Amino acid sequence: MLGLNFYPPSPRCLTAKRAQEIASRLRSDLGKRSPVLVGVFVNEDASRIADICEEVGLDAAQLSGDEAPGALRAPALRQTPAFKSLRPKSAESAQGEAQLYEFGERENVHLPSLLLDAWHPDLYGGSGEQTPDDVARAVLATVSRLMLAGGLNPENVAERVRSLRPWGVDVASGVESAPGVKDAGKMRAFIAAAKGL
């Protein structure tokens, strides 16, 4: 999976035009081997999400803001598979939040049921903070396909995968040389470590 960020305050934000260029190039070069392309949105209107997904040719949407559970079932998103990113403050709140949102894409085995990121009071992901083990375990007890994010990098991802056994892992700042600038060497090292190669 490859996330294309559409949240303007993020250093990783793309325009729809640039995202469409990336998507077209990937699909042209890789064909059926192209990654699942996911639009990352924060507190965005459902109709705008649907429009961007259609314009860019995205496979799914990740809602990473303060969206209510009903946002995943908005009429405008009927044609766009969507899942929620959560940032619970504690293990106590984690399971309840997970149960509210986990219905997102149960049928689509190519997408996570939920993405779990570390709590940060000011950021909607990409903080570099690690998701606490107790929070991750609380959500793992509830969710069928959990994608784990939060402070992952090439040095710690193997241990997190071994100890927590998530469905998948997500990385942003952990493979960057500067905010918004991916480092190819770090990306290769991360993938190898996550896969236990």
N, C-alpha and C. Protein backbone atom coordinates (compact mmCIF):
# COMPACT_ATOMS: atom_id res chain seq x y z
N MET A 1 0.84 -1.17 0.00
CA MET A 1 0.00 0.00 0.00
C MET A 1 0.89 1.23 0.00
N LEU A 2 0.40 2.27 -0.67
CA LEU A 2 1.11 3.54 -0.70
C LEU A 2 0.10 4.64 -0.36
N GLY A 3 0.40 5.41 0.68
CA GLY A 3 -0.48 6.49 1.09
C GLY A 3 -0.11 7.79 0.41
N LEU A 4 -1.10 8.45 -0.15
CA LEU A 4 -0.92 9.76 -0.77
C LEU A 4 -1.68 10.76 0.09
N ASN A 5 -0.96 11.70 0.66
CA ASN A 5 -1.48 12.59 1.70
C ASN A 5 -2.12 13.84 1.09
N PHE A 6 -3.35 14.14 1.53
CA PHE A 6 -4.07 15.32 1.05
C PHE A 6 -4.44 16.27 2.19
N TYR A 7 -3.63 16.26 3.24
CA TYR A 7 -3.88 17.14 4.39
C TYR A 7 -2.91 18.31 4.31
N PRO A 8 -3.40 19.51 3.95
CA PRO A 8 -2.51 20.65 3.67
C PRO A 8 -1.47 20.99 4.74
N PRO A 9 -1.75 20.90 6.05
CA PRO A 9 -0.69 21.23 7.00
C PRO A 9 0.48 20.24 7.03
N SER A 10 0.30 19.07 6.46
CA SER A 10 1.35 18.05 6.50
C SER A 10 2.47 18.37 5.52
N PRO A 11 3.73 18.10 5.92
CA PRO A 11 4.84 18.29 4.97
C PRO A 11 4.79 17.25 3.85
N ARG A 12 3.92 16.27 3.96
CA ARG A 12 3.79 15.22 2.95
C ARG A 12 2.62 15.47 1.99
N CYS A 13 1.95 16.60 2.13
CA CYS A 13 0.75 16.88 1.35
C CYS A 13 1.04 17.00 -0.14
N LEU A 14 0.16 16.40 -0.95
CA LEU A 14 0.24 16.47 -2.40
C LEU A 14 -1.00 17.16 -2.97
N THR A 15 -0.84 17.75 -4.12
CA THR A 15 -2.02 18.21 -4.85
C THR A 15 -2.63 17.00 -5.54
N ALA A 16 -3.90 17.10 -5.91
CA ALA A 16 -4.54 16.01 -6.63
C ALA A 16 -3.83 15.77 -7.96
N LYS A 17 -3.36 16.83 -8.59
CA LYS A 17 -2.66 16.70 -9.88
C LYS A 17 -1.37 15.90 -9.71
N ARG A 18 -0.58 16.23 -8.70
CA ARG A 18 0.67 15.51 -8.47
C ARG A 18 0.40 14.05 -8.09
N ALA A 19 -0.62 13.83 -7.27
CA ALA A 19 -0.97 12.46 -6.88
C ALA A 19 -1.40 11.65 -8.09
N GLN A 20 -2.14 12.28 -9.00
CA GLN A 20 -2.59 11.59 -10.21
C GLN A 20 -1.39 11.22 -11.08
N GLU A 21 -0.40 12.10 -11.15
CA GLU A 21 0.82 11.80 -11.92
C GLU A 21 1.55 10.59 -11.32
N ILE A 22 1.65 10.55 -9.99
CA ILE A 22 2.31 9.43 -9.30
C ILE A 22 1.53 8.14 -9.55
N ALA A 23 0.22 8.20 -9.39
CA ALA A 23 -0.61 7.01 -9.58
C ALA A 23 -0.50 6.49 -11.01
N SER A 24 -0.56 7.38 -11.98
CA SER A 24 -0.47 6.97 -13.39
C SER A 24 0.88 6.33 -13.70
N ARG A 25 1.94 6.94 -13.17
CA ARG A 25 3.29 6.41 -13.42
C ARG A 25 3.46 5.02 -12.79
N LEU A 26 2.99 4.86 -11.55
CA LEU A 26 3.09 3.56 -10.89
C LEU A 26 2.33 2.50 -11.67
N ARG A 27 1.13 2.81 -12.08
CA ARG A 27 0.32 1.82 -12.78
C ARG A 27 0.88 1.52 -14.17
N SER A 28 1.45 2.53 -14.81
CA SER A 28 2.08 2.32 -16.11
C SER A 28 3.32 1.44 -15.98
N ASP A 29 4.15 1.74 -14.98
CA ASP A 29 5.40 1.01 -14.81
C ASP A 29 5.22 -0.38 -14.19
N LEU A 30 4.27 -0.51 -13.27
CA LEU A 30 4.14 -1.75 -12.51
C LEU A 30 2.93 -2.61 -12.88
N GLY A 31 1.97 -2.03 -13.57
CA GLY A 31 0.78 -2.79 -13.95
C GLY A 31 0.09 -3.40 -12.74
N LYS A 32 -0.16 -4.71 -12.78
CA LYS A 32 -0.86 -5.38 -11.69
C LYS A 32 -0.04 -5.44 -10.41
N ARG A 33 1.26 -5.17 -10.50
CA ARG A 33 2.11 -5.17 -9.31
C ARG A 33 2.10 -3.82 -8.58
N SER A 34 1.34 -2.88 -9.11
CA SER A 34 1.25 -1.56 -8.47
C SER A 34 0.65 -1.69 -7.07
N PRO A 35 1.16 -0.91 -6.12
CA PRO A 35 0.59 -1.00 -4.77
C PRO A 35 -0.84 -0.47 -4.73
N VAL A 36 -1.57 -0.89 -3.70
CA VAL A 36 -2.88 -0.31 -3.43
C VAL A 36 -2.64 1.15 -3.06
N LEU A 37 -3.33 2.06 -3.73
CA LEU A 37 -3.12 3.50 -3.50
C LEU A 37 -4.23 4.04 -2.60
N VAL A 38 -3.81 4.61 -1.48
CA VAL A 38 -4.74 5.07 -0.45
C VAL A 38 -4.58 6.58 -0.26
N GLY A 39 -5.68 7.30 -0.34
CA GLY A 39 -5.67 8.73 -0.04
C GLY A 39 -5.80 8.95 1.45
N VAL A 40 -4.94 9.77 2.01
CA VAL A 40 -4.97 10.08 3.44
C VAL A 40 -5.62 11.45 3.62
N PHE A 41 -6.73 11.47 4.36
CA PHE A 41 -7.51 12.69 4.54
C PHE A 41 -7.73 12.97 6.02
N VAL A 42 -7.82 14.25 6.36
CA VAL A 42 -8.05 14.66 7.74
C VAL A 42 -9.23 15.64 7.77
N ASN A 43 -10.31 15.21 8.41
CA ASN A 43 -11.49 16.07 8.59
C ASN A 43 -11.97 16.69 7.28
N GLU A 44 -11.93 15.91 6.23
CA GLU A 44 -12.32 16.39 4.91
C GLU A 44 -13.77 15.99 4.62
N ASP A 45 -14.46 16.81 3.85
CA ASP A 45 -15.83 16.52 3.45
C ASP A 45 -15.87 15.26 2.59
N ALA A 46 -16.86 14.39 2.84
CA ALA A 46 -16.95 13.11 2.14
C ALA A 46 -17.03 13.28 0.63
N SER A 47 -17.75 14.27 0.15
CA SER A 47 -17.86 14.46 -1.30
C SER A 47 -16.52 14.87 -1.90
N ARG A 48 -15.75 15.66 -1.17
CA ARG A 48 -14.41 16.03 -1.67
C ARG A 48 -13.48 14.81 -1.68
N ILE A 49 -13.58 13.97 -0.65
CA ILE A 49 -12.78 12.74 -0.63
C ILE A 49 -13.11 11.90 -1.86
N ALA A 50 -14.39 11.72 -2.12
CA ALA A 50 -14.82 10.91 -3.26
C ALA A 50 -14.33 11.51 -4.57
N ASP A 51 -14.41 12.83 -4.70
CA ASP A 51 -13.95 13.50 -5.92
C ASP A 51 -12.45 13.29 -6.14
N ILE A 52 -11.66 13.44 -5.08
CA ILE A 52 -10.20 13.27 -5.20
C ILE A 52 -9.87 11.82 -5.52
N CYS A 53 -10.54 10.90 -4.85
CA CYS A 53 -10.30 9.47 -5.11
C CYS A 53 -10.58 9.13 -6.57
N GLU A 54 -11.66 9.67 -7.09
CA GLU A 54 -12.00 9.41 -8.50
C GLU A 54 -11.00 10.08 -9.44
N GLU A 55 -10.67 11.35 -9.17
CA GLU A 55 -9.75 12.10 -10.03
C GLU A 55 -8.37 11.45 -10.08
N VAL A 56 -7.87 11.05 -8.93
CA VAL A 56 -6.53 10.48 -8.84
C VAL A 56 -6.51 9.02 -9.24
N GLY A 57 -7.63 8.33 -9.04
CA GLY A 57 -7.67 6.90 -9.30
C GLY A 57 -7.23 6.10 -8.09
N LEU A 58 -7.64 6.55 -6.90
CA LEU A 58 -7.24 5.87 -5.68
C LEU A 58 -8.09 4.64 -5.43
N ASP A 59 -7.50 3.69 -4.71
CA ASP A 59 -8.21 2.45 -4.39
C ASP A 59 -9.01 2.55 -3.11
N ALA A 60 -8.61 3.46 -2.21
CA ALA A 60 -9.27 3.56 -0.90
C ALA A 60 -8.93 4.90 -0.26
N ALA A 61 -9.65 5.19 0.83
CA ALA A 61 -9.42 6.42 1.59
C ALA A 61 -9.16 6.06 3.05
N GLN A 62 -8.20 6.74 3.64
CA GLN A 62 -7.91 6.61 5.07
C GLN A 62 -8.34 7.91 5.74
N LEU A 63 -9.27 7.82 6.68
CA LEU A 63 -9.77 8.99 7.39
C LEU A 63 -8.97 9.13 8.69
N SER A 64 -8.13 10.15 8.75
CA SER A 64 -7.15 10.26 9.84
C SER A 64 -7.41 11.40 10.80
N GLY A 65 -8.60 11.99 10.75
CA GLY A 65 -8.89 13.12 11.63
C GLY A 65 -9.81 12.75 12.78
N ASP A 66 -10.74 13.65 13.05
CA ASP A 66 -11.69 13.48 14.15
C ASP A 66 -13.06 13.06 13.63
N GLU A 67 -13.07 12.33 12.53
CA GLU A 67 -14.33 11.95 11.89
C GLU A 67 -15.17 11.05 12.80
N ALA A 68 -16.47 11.26 12.73
CA ALA A 68 -17.43 10.42 13.48
C ALA A 68 -17.54 9.07 12.79
N PRO A 69 -18.00 8.02 13.52
CA PRO A 69 -18.13 6.70 12.91
C PRO A 69 -18.96 6.69 11.63
N GLY A 70 -19.97 7.52 11.56
CA GLY A 70 -20.80 7.57 10.36
C GLY A 70 -20.09 8.06 9.13
N ALA A 71 -18.94 8.70 9.27
CA ALA A 71 -18.20 9.22 8.12
C ALA A 71 -17.81 8.11 7.16
N LEU A 72 -17.54 6.93 7.68
CA LEU A 72 -17.15 5.81 6.82
C LEU A 72 -18.31 5.32 5.95
N ARG A 73 -19.52 5.66 6.36
CA ARG A 73 -20.70 5.22 5.60
C ARG A 73 -21.41 6.39 4.92
N ALA A 74 -20.71 7.48 4.76
CA ALA A 74 -21.32 8.64 4.09
C ALA A 74 -21.74 8.25 2.67
N PRO A 75 -22.92 8.70 2.22
CA PRO A 75 -23.38 8.34 0.87
C PRO A 75 -22.35 8.64 -0.22
N ALA A 76 -21.59 9.71 -0.07
CA ALA A 76 -20.60 10.07 -1.09
C ALA A 76 -19.47 9.04 -1.19
N LEU A 77 -19.29 8.25 -0.14
CA LEU A 77 -18.19 7.27 -0.14
C LEU A 77 -18.64 5.85 -0.49
N ARG A 78 -19.83 5.72 -1.05
CA ARG A 78 -20.33 4.38 -1.39
C ARG A 78 -19.40 3.64 -2.36
N GLN A 79 -18.78 4.38 -3.26
CA GLN A 79 -17.90 3.77 -4.26
C GLN A 79 -16.44 3.76 -3.82
N THR A 80 -16.15 4.30 -2.65
CA THR A 80 -14.76 4.43 -2.19
C THR A 80 -14.58 3.65 -0.89
N PRO A 81 -13.87 2.52 -0.93
CA PRO A 81 -13.59 1.82 0.33
C PRO A 81 -12.83 2.75 1.27
N ALA A 82 -13.23 2.79 2.53
CA ALA A 82 -12.59 3.69 3.49
C ALA A 82 -12.37 2.98 4.82
N PHE A 83 -11.31 3.37 5.50
CA PHE A 83 -11.05 2.87 6.84
C PHE A 83 -10.56 4.03 7.70
N LYS A 84 -10.62 3.85 8.99
CA LYS A 84 -10.32 4.91 9.95
C LYS A 84 -8.95 4.71 10.58
N SER A 85 -8.28 5.82 10.81
CA SER A 85 -7.06 5.85 11.61
C SER A 85 -7.42 6.39 12.98
N LEU A 86 -7.04 5.65 14.02
CA LEU A 86 -7.33 6.05 15.40
C LEU A 86 -6.05 6.43 16.12
N ARG A 87 -6.19 7.33 17.08
CA ARG A 87 -5.08 7.75 17.95
C ARG A 87 -5.60 7.78 19.38
N PRO A 88 -5.92 6.63 19.97
CA PRO A 88 -6.49 6.63 21.32
C PRO A 88 -5.48 7.13 22.36
N LYS A 89 -6.01 7.84 23.36
CA LYS A 89 -5.15 8.37 24.42
C LYS A 89 -4.69 7.30 25.39
N SER A 90 -5.48 6.22 25.53
CA SER A 90 -5.15 5.21 26.53
C SER A 90 -5.68 3.86 26.09
N ALA A 91 -5.19 2.81 26.75
CA ALA A 91 -5.69 1.46 26.48
C ALA A 91 -7.16 1.37 26.85
N GLU A 92 -7.57 2.10 27.88
CA GLU A 92 -8.96 2.06 28.34
C GLU A 92 -9.91 2.57 27.25
N SER A 93 -9.51 3.62 26.56
CA SER A 93 -10.38 4.17 25.52
C SER A 93 -10.20 3.46 24.18
N ALA A 94 -9.09 2.74 24.01
CA ALA A 94 -8.75 2.17 22.71
C ALA A 94 -9.77 1.16 22.21
N GLN A 95 -10.17 0.21 23.06
CA GLN A 95 -11.12 -0.81 22.60
C GLN A 95 -12.46 -0.22 22.21
N GLY A 96 -12.96 0.72 23.01
CA GLY A 96 -14.24 1.34 22.69
C GLY A 96 -14.19 2.09 21.38
N GLU A 97 -13.12 2.84 21.15
CA GLU A 97 -12.97 3.55 19.88
C GLU A 97 -12.88 2.57 18.72
N ALA A 98 -12.11 1.50 18.91
CA ALA A 98 -11.96 0.51 17.84
C ALA A 98 -13.30 -0.11 17.48
N GLN A 99 -14.12 -0.43 18.46
CA GLN A 99 -15.42 -1.03 18.19
C GLN A 99 -16.34 -0.08 17.43
N LEU A 100 -16.19 1.21 17.64
CA LEU A 100 -17.02 2.19 16.92
C LEU A 100 -16.69 2.25 15.44
N TYR A 101 -15.43 2.01 15.08
CA TYR A 101 -14.98 2.23 13.71
C TYR A 101 -14.62 0.97 12.94
N GLU A 102 -14.49 -0.15 13.58
CA GLU A 102 -13.96 -1.34 12.95
C GLU A 102 -14.80 -1.86 11.80
N PHE A 103 -16.06 -1.47 11.71
CA PHE A 103 -16.92 -1.96 10.62
C PHE A 103 -16.47 -1.48 9.26
N GLY A 104 -15.59 -0.49 9.20
CA GLY A 104 -15.20 0.16 7.96
C GLY A 104 -15.12 -0.70 6.73
N GLU A 105 -14.17 -1.62 6.66
CA GLU A 105 -14.01 -2.44 5.46
C GLU A 105 -13.75 -3.89 5.84
N ARG A 106 -14.68 -4.47 6.55
CA ARG A 106 -14.50 -5.86 6.98
C ARG A 106 -14.37 -6.81 5.79
N GLU A 107 -15.12 -6.56 4.73
CA GLU A 107 -15.15 -7.49 3.61
C GLU A 107 -13.88 -7.42 2.76
N ASN A 108 -13.23 -6.30 2.69
CA ASN A 108 -12.09 -6.12 1.80
C ASN A 108 -10.81 -6.56 2.50
N VAL A 109 -10.35 -7.76 2.17
CA VAL A 109 -9.18 -8.31 2.85
C VAL A 109 -7.88 -7.64 2.43
N HIS A 110 -7.94 -6.76 1.45
CA HIS A 110 -6.74 -6.04 1.00
C HIS A 110 -6.55 -4.72 1.74
N LEU A 111 -7.48 -4.40 2.63
CA LEU A 111 -7.38 -3.17 3.41
C LEU A 111 -7.44 -3.49 4.90
N PRO A 112 -6.82 -2.64 5.71
CA PRO A 112 -6.94 -2.86 7.16
C PRO A 112 -8.36 -2.55 7.63
N SER A 113 -8.74 -3.17 8.74
CA SER A 113 -9.99 -2.80 9.38
C SER A 113 -9.84 -1.43 10.03
N LEU A 114 -8.66 -1.20 10.60
CA LEU A 114 -8.31 0.07 11.25
C LEU A 114 -6.82 0.29 11.15
N LEU A 115 -6.43 1.55 11.24
CA LEU A 115 -5.03 1.91 11.40
C LEU A 115 -4.89 2.51 12.79
N LEU A 116 -3.91 2.06 13.53
CA LEU A 116 -3.67 2.55 14.88
C LEU A 116 -2.40 3.35 14.91
N ASP A 117 -2.50 4.62 15.32
CA ASP A 117 -1.34 5.51 15.41
C ASP A 117 -1.20 5.99 16.85
N ALA A 118 -0.08 6.62 17.13
CA ALA A 118 0.18 7.13 18.47
C ALA A 118 -0.60 8.41 18.71
N TRP A 119 -1.07 8.58 19.95
CA TRP A 119 -1.74 9.81 20.34
C TRP A 119 -0.75 10.96 20.33
N HIS A 120 -1.17 12.08 19.78
CA HIS A 120 -0.40 13.33 19.84
C HIS A 120 -1.44 14.44 19.91
N PRO A 121 -1.27 15.40 20.81
CA PRO A 121 -2.31 16.43 20.97
C PRO A 121 -2.46 17.36 19.78
N ASP A 122 -1.42 17.48 18.94
CA ASP A 122 -1.46 18.47 17.87
C ASP A 122 -1.36 17.89 16.46
N LEU A 123 -0.95 16.62 16.33
CA LEU A 123 -0.71 16.05 15.01
C LEU A 123 -1.64 14.88 14.75
N TYR A 124 -2.00 14.72 13.48
CA TYR A 124 -2.85 13.61 13.04
C TYR A 124 -2.00 12.53 12.37
N GLY A 125 -0.92 12.14 13.00
CA GLY A 125 -0.02 11.14 12.43
C GLY A 125 1.30 11.77 12.04
N GLY A 126 2.27 10.89 11.75
CA GLY A 126 3.59 11.36 11.33
C GLY A 126 4.37 12.05 12.42
N SER A 127 4.03 11.78 13.68
CA SER A 127 4.68 12.47 14.80
C SER A 127 6.01 11.84 15.18
N GLY A 128 6.22 10.58 14.80
CA GLY A 128 7.42 9.86 15.22
C GLY A 128 7.28 9.24 16.60
N GLU A 129 6.13 9.49 17.26
CA GLU A 129 5.88 8.90 18.58
C GLU A 129 5.44 7.45 18.42
N GLN A 130 5.84 6.59 19.34
CA GLN A 130 5.49 5.18 19.27
C GLN A 130 4.16 4.90 19.96
N THR A 131 3.36 4.07 19.32
CA THR A 131 2.10 3.63 19.91
C THR A 131 2.42 2.71 21.09
N PRO A 132 1.94 3.00 22.29
CA PRO A 132 2.24 2.14 23.44
C PRO A 132 1.72 0.71 23.24
N ASP A 133 2.46 -0.25 23.76
CA ASP A 133 2.09 -1.66 23.64
C ASP A 133 0.69 -1.94 24.19
N ASP A 134 0.36 -1.35 25.35
CA ASP A 134 -0.94 -1.67 25.95
C ASP A 134 -2.09 -1.16 25.08
N VAL A 135 -1.89 -0.03 24.42
CA VAL A 135 -2.92 0.49 23.50
C VAL A 135 -3.04 -0.44 22.30
N ALA A 136 -1.90 -0.83 21.72
CA ALA A 136 -1.92 -1.72 20.56
C ALA A 136 -2.59 -3.05 20.89
N ARG A 137 -2.26 -3.61 22.05
CA ARG A 137 -2.85 -4.90 22.43
C ARG A 137 -4.37 -4.79 22.66
N ALA A 138 -4.79 -3.67 23.21
CA ALA A 138 -6.23 -3.46 23.43
C ALA A 138 -6.98 -3.44 22.11
N VAL A 139 -6.41 -2.79 21.10
CA VAL A 139 -7.07 -2.72 19.80
C VAL A 139 -6.96 -4.05 19.06
N LEU A 140 -5.81 -4.70 19.17
CA LEU A 140 -5.63 -6.00 18.52
C LEU A 140 -6.65 -7.02 19.02
N ALA A 141 -7.09 -6.88 20.26
CA ALA A 141 -8.09 -7.80 20.82
C ALA A 141 -9.46 -7.61 20.19
N THR A 142 -9.65 -6.48 19.51
CA THR A 142 -10.96 -6.14 18.96
C THR A 142 -11.01 -6.21 17.44
N VAL A 143 -9.89 -5.96 16.79
CA VAL A 143 -9.87 -5.72 15.35
C VAL A 143 -9.28 -6.89 14.57
N SER A 144 -9.89 -7.21 13.45
CA SER A 144 -9.42 -8.35 12.65
C SER A 144 -8.16 -8.05 11.85
N ARG A 145 -8.06 -6.87 11.25
CA ARG A 145 -6.89 -6.53 10.43
C ARG A 145 -6.37 -5.15 10.86
N LEU A 146 -5.46 -5.16 11.80
CA LEU A 146 -4.93 -3.91 12.34
C LEU A 146 -3.63 -3.53 11.64
N MET A 147 -3.59 -2.31 11.13
CA MET A 147 -2.34 -1.76 10.61
C MET A 147 -1.77 -0.89 11.71
N LEU A 148 -0.55 -1.20 12.13
CA LEU A 148 0.10 -0.51 13.23
C LEU A 148 1.00 0.60 12.70
N ALA A 149 0.83 1.79 13.23
CA ALA A 149 1.69 2.94 12.91
C ALA A 149 2.20 3.50 14.23
N GLY A 150 2.98 4.54 14.14
CA GLY A 150 3.43 5.23 15.34
C GLY A 150 4.86 4.93 15.71
N GLY A 151 5.76 5.79 15.27
CA GLY A 151 7.16 5.69 15.68
C GLY A 151 7.91 4.51 15.12
N LEU A 152 7.41 3.89 14.07
CA LEU A 152 8.11 2.75 13.48
C LEU A 152 9.25 3.24 12.59
N ASN A 153 10.34 2.46 12.60
CA ASN A 153 11.51 2.78 11.77
C ASN A 153 12.26 1.48 11.49
N PRO A 154 13.30 1.51 10.67
CA PRO A 154 14.01 0.27 10.34
C PRO A 154 14.60 -0.44 11.55
N GLU A 155 14.89 0.30 12.61
CA GLU A 155 15.53 -0.30 13.79
C GLU A 155 14.54 -1.00 14.73
N ASN A 156 13.27 -0.59 14.73
CA ASN A 156 12.34 -1.17 15.71
C ASN A 156 11.18 -1.96 15.11
N VAL A 157 10.99 -1.90 13.82
CA VAL A 157 9.80 -2.52 13.23
C VAL A 157 9.80 -4.04 13.38
N ALA A 158 10.95 -4.70 13.27
CA ALA A 158 10.97 -6.16 13.37
C ALA A 158 10.48 -6.61 14.74
N GLU A 159 10.93 -5.96 15.79
CA GLU A 159 10.51 -6.33 17.14
C GLU A 159 9.02 -6.05 17.35
N ARG A 160 8.53 -4.94 16.84
CA ARG A 160 7.10 -4.61 16.97
C ARG A 160 6.24 -5.65 16.24
N VAL A 161 6.68 -6.07 15.06
CA VAL A 161 5.95 -7.09 14.31
C VAL A 161 5.97 -8.41 15.07
N ARG A 162 7.13 -8.79 15.59
CA ARG A 162 7.25 -10.05 16.34
C ARG A 162 6.38 -10.05 17.59
N SER A 163 6.40 -8.96 18.31
CA SER A 163 5.70 -8.94 19.60
C SER A 163 4.20 -8.69 19.47
N LEU A 164 3.77 -7.91 18.49
CA LEU A 164 2.35 -7.55 18.39
C LEU A 164 1.60 -8.28 17.28
N ARG A 165 2.29 -8.74 16.25
CA ARG A 165 1.68 -9.48 15.15
C ARG A 165 0.53 -8.72 14.48
N PRO A 166 0.74 -7.47 14.06
CA PRO A 166 -0.34 -6.75 13.37
C PRO A 166 -0.54 -7.31 11.96
N TRP A 167 -1.66 -6.97 11.36
CA TRP A 167 -1.96 -7.35 9.97
C TRP A 167 -0.96 -6.67 9.03
N GLY A 168 -0.58 -5.43 9.37
CA GLY A 168 0.36 -4.67 8.56
C GLY A 168 0.97 -3.55 9.39
N VAL A 169 1.96 -2.90 8.81
CA VAL A 169 2.60 -1.76 9.47
C VAL A 169 2.60 -0.57 8.52
N ASP A 170 2.64 0.61 9.12
CA ASP A 170 2.60 1.87 8.37
C ASP A 170 3.77 2.72 8.84
N VAL A 171 4.41 3.40 7.91
CA VAL A 171 5.54 4.25 8.26
C VAL A 171 5.49 5.53 7.44
N ALA A 172 5.92 6.63 8.05
CA ALA A 172 6.06 7.91 7.35
C ALA A 172 7.39 8.54 7.80
N SER A 173 7.37 9.19 8.95
CA SER A 173 8.58 9.91 9.40
C SER A 173 9.76 8.98 9.66
N GLY A 174 9.51 7.71 9.97
CA GLY A 174 10.58 6.77 10.28
C GLY A 174 11.46 6.39 9.11
N VAL A 175 11.07 6.77 7.89
CA VAL A 175 11.90 6.48 6.71
C VAL A 175 12.21 7.77 5.93
N GLU A 176 12.26 8.88 6.65
CA GLU A 176 12.54 10.16 6.00
C GLU A 176 13.90 10.70 6.39
N SER A 177 14.52 11.40 5.44
CA SER A 177 15.78 12.10 5.72
C SER A 177 15.49 13.51 6.22
N ALA A 178 14.30 14.01 5.95
CA ALA A 178 13.80 15.31 6.41
C ALA A 178 12.28 15.23 6.32
N PRO A 179 11.55 16.08 7.05
CA PRO A 179 10.09 16.01 6.99
C PRO A 179 9.55 16.05 5.55
N GLY A 180 8.85 14.99 5.17
CA GLY A 180 8.26 14.91 3.85
C GLY A 180 9.19 14.38 2.77
N VAL A 181 10.44 14.06 3.12
CA VAL A 181 11.42 13.58 2.13
C VAL A 181 11.80 12.14 2.47
N LYS A 182 11.32 11.19 1.65
CA LYS A 182 11.60 9.78 1.90
C LYS A 182 13.04 9.45 1.51
N ASP A 183 13.64 8.54 2.28
CA ASP A 183 14.99 8.07 2.06
C ASP A 183 14.90 6.64 1.53
N ALA A 184 15.37 6.41 0.30
CA ALA A 184 15.23 5.10 -0.34
C ALA A 184 15.92 4.00 0.47
N GLY A 185 17.08 4.28 1.01
CA GLY A 185 17.79 3.28 1.81
C GLY A 185 17.03 2.90 3.06
N LYS A 186 16.48 3.90 3.74
CA LYS A 186 15.68 3.63 4.94
C LYS A 186 14.41 2.84 4.59
N MET A 187 13.82 3.16 3.44
CA MET A 187 12.61 2.44 3.03
C MET A 187 12.92 0.97 2.77
N ARG A 188 14.01 0.70 2.06
CA ARG A 188 14.39 -0.69 1.80
C ARG A 188 14.67 -1.43 3.10
N ALA A 189 15.40 -0.76 4.01
CA ALA A 189 15.74 -1.39 5.31
C ALA A 189 14.47 -1.66 6.12
N PHE A 190 13.52 -0.74 6.08
CA PHE A 190 12.27 -0.91 6.81
C PHE A 190 11.51 -2.13 6.29
N ILE A 191 11.36 -2.22 4.98
CA ILE A 191 10.62 -3.33 4.38
C ILE A 191 11.29 -4.67 4.72
N ALA A 192 12.61 -4.71 4.59
CA ALA A 192 13.33 -5.95 4.90
C ALA A 192 13.15 -6.34 6.35
N ALA A 193 13.23 -5.37 7.25
CA ALA A 193 13.07 -5.67 8.68
C ALA A 193 11.65 -6.10 9.00
N ALA A 194 10.66 -5.43 8.41
CA ALA A 194 9.26 -5.77 8.67
C ALA A 194 8.94 -7.17 8.18
N LYS A 195 9.55 -7.58 7.08
CA LYS A 195 9.31 -8.91 6.53
C LYS A 195 10.22 -9.98 7.12
N GLY A 196 11.16 -9.55 7.96
CA GLY A 196 12.07 -10.51 8.59
C GLY A 196 13.09 -11.07 7.61
N LEU A 197 13.51 -10.27 6.63
CA LEU A 197 14.47 -10.72 5.63
C LEU A 197 15.92 -10.51 6.08
